[in-house]
């Protein structure tokens, strides 16, 4: 598997360098991607739990907002 590319752009000289990530950068990249995925799954779980609760209460999201305002 090839590693993702990194683009370095020196705005003073307008030089652009494209290179593969180093091993250390790639490990950090994979770690950040895993954290992003975990946050995304947690958010989806909260949305699902909220919808389930509203359904059990028999109210709409607008009615819940009205009650909490």
C-alpha atoms as a PDB file:
ATOM      1  CA  UNK A   1       0.000   0.000   0.000  1.00  0.00           C
ATOM      2  CA  UNK A   2       1.330   3.413  -0.870  1.00  0.00           C
ATOM      3  CA  UNK A   3       1.211   6.141   1.710  1.00  0.00           C
ATOM      4  CA  UNK A   4      -0.754   9.362   1.220  1.00  0.00           C
ATOM      5  CA  UNK A   5       1.038  12.272  -0.357  1.00  0.00           C
ATOM      6  CA  UNK A   6       1.993  15.523   1.346  1.00  0.00           C
ATOM      7  CA  UNK A   7       2.207  18.782  -0.582  1.00  0.00           C
ATOM      8  CA  UNK A   8       4.517  21.482   0.699  1.00  0.00           C
ATOM      9  CA  UNK A   9       4.073  24.882  -0.922  1.00  0.00           C
ATOM     10  CA  UNK A  10       6.630  27.588  -0.267  1.00  0.00           C
ATOM     11  CA  UNK A  11       4.665  30.770  -0.958  1.00  0.00           C
ATOM     12  CA  UNK A  12       7.762  32.938  -1.029  1.00  0.00           C
ATOM     13  CA  UNK A  13       9.427  31.030  -3.859  1.00  0.00           C
ATOM     14  CA  UNK A  14       6.250  29.379  -5.214  1.00  0.00           C
ATOM     15  CA  UNK A  15       8.079  26.040  -5.017  1.00  0.00           C
ATOM     16  CA  UNK A  16       5.806  23.009  -4.638  1.00  0.00           C
ATOM     17  CA  UNK A  17       7.096  19.692  -3.301  1.00  0.00           C
ATOM     18  CA  UNK A  18       4.947  16.549  -3.372  1.00  0.00           C
ATOM     19  CA  UNK A  19       6.206  13.586  -1.361  1.00  0.00           C
ATOM     20  CA  UNK A  20       4.969  10.466   0.398  1.00  0.00           C
ATOM     21  CA  UNK A  21       4.408  10.617   4.132  1.00  0.00           C
ATOM     22  CA  UNK A  22       7.214   9.345   6.299  1.00  0.00           C
ATOM     23  CA  UNK A  23       6.550   6.325   8.517  1.00  0.00           C
ATOM     24  CA  UNK A  24       6.052   8.584  11.547  1.00  0.00           C
ATOM     25  CA  UNK A  25       3.663  10.885   9.664  1.00  0.00           C
ATOM     26  CA  UNK A  26       1.730   7.881   8.382  1.00  0.00           C
ATOM     27  CA  UNK A  27       1.292   6.442  11.888  1.00  0.00           C
ATOM     28  CA  UNK A  28       0.001   9.823  13.102  1.00  0.00           C
ATOM     29  CA  UNK A  29      -2.295  10.051  10.065  1.00  0.00           C
ATOM     30  CA  UNK A  30      -3.794   6.619  10.787  1.00  0.00           C
ATOM     31  CA  UNK A  31      -4.244   7.569  14.458  1.00  0.00           C
ATOM     32  CA  UNK A  32      -6.073  10.775  13.501  1.00  0.00           C
ATOM     33  CA  UNK A  33      -8.275   8.882  11.034  1.00  0.00           C
ATOM     34  CA  UNK A  34      -9.210   6.367  13.763  1.00  0.00           C
ATOM     35  CA  UNK A  35     -10.069   9.209  16.159  1.00  0.00           C
ATOM     36  CA  UNK A  36     -12.182  10.897  13.487  1.00  0.00           C
ATOM     37  CA  UNK A  37     -14.052   7.647  12.834  1.00  0.00           C
ATOM     38  CA  UNK A  38     -14.666   7.163  16.581  1.00  0.00           C
ATOM     39  CA  UNK A  39     -16.097  10.681  16.890  1.00  0.00           C
ATOM     40  CA  UNK A  40     -18.288  10.097  13.834  1.00  0.00           C
ATOM     41  CA  UNK A  41     -19.634   6.817  15.266  1.00  0.00           C
ATOM     42  CA  UNK A  42     -20.275   8.408  18.670  1.00  0.00           C
ATOM     43  CA  UNK A  43     -22.206  11.250  17.039  1.00  0.00           C
ATOM     44  CA  UNK A  44     -24.294   8.790  15.031  1.00  0.00           C
ATOM     45  CA  UNK A  45     -25.032   6.826  18.210  1.00  0.00           C
ATOM     46  CA  UNK A  46     -26.194  10.009  19.984  1.00  0.00           C
ATOM     47  CA  UNK A  47     -28.482  10.903  17.073  1.00  0.00           C
ATOM     48  CA  UNK A  48     -29.936   7.391  17.075  1.00  0.00           C
ATOM     49  CA  UNK A  49     -30.425   7.418  20.868  1.00  0.00           C
ATOM     50  CA  UNK A  50     -32.143  10.806  20.662  1.00  0.00           C
ATOM     51  CA  UNK A  51     -34.523   9.598  17.950  1.00  0.00           C
ATOM     52  CA  UNK A  52     -35.276   6.454  19.962  1.00  0.00           C
ATOM     53  CA  UNK A  53     -36.018   8.490  23.090  1.00  0.00           C
ATOM     54  CA  UNK A  54     -38.305  10.874  21.226  1.00  0.00           C
ATOM     55  CA  UNK A  55     -40.150   7.903  19.754  1.00  0.00           C
ATOM     56  CA  UNK A  56     -40.565   6.298  23.194  1.00  0.00           C
ATOM     57  CA  UNK A  57     -41.889   9.606  24.549  1.00  0.00           C
ATOM     58  CA  UNK A  58     -44.191   9.941  21.571  1.00  0.00           C
ATOM     59  CA  UNK A  59     -43.127  13.500  20.738  1.00  0.00           C
ATOM     60  CA  UNK A  60     -41.442  15.175  17.786  1.00  0.00           C
ATOM     61  CA  UNK A  61     -38.107  16.945  17.860  1.00  0.00           C
ATOM     62  CA  UNK A  62     -39.892  20.302  17.588  1.00  0.00           C
ATOM     63  CA  UNK A  63     -42.085  19.439  20.576  1.00  0.00           C
ATOM     64  CA  UNK A  64     -38.996  18.462  22.600  1.00  0.00           C
ATOM     65  CA  UNK A  65     -37.337  21.776  21.716  1.00  0.00           C
ATOM     66  CA  UNK A  66     -40.483  23.595  22.828  1.00  0.00           C
ATOM     67  CA  UNK A  67     -40.472  21.748  26.155  1.00  0.00           C
ATOM     68  CA  UNK A  68     -36.812  22.530  26.764  1.00  0.00           C
ATOM     69  CA  UNK A  69     -36.990  26.217  25.875  1.00  0.00           C
END
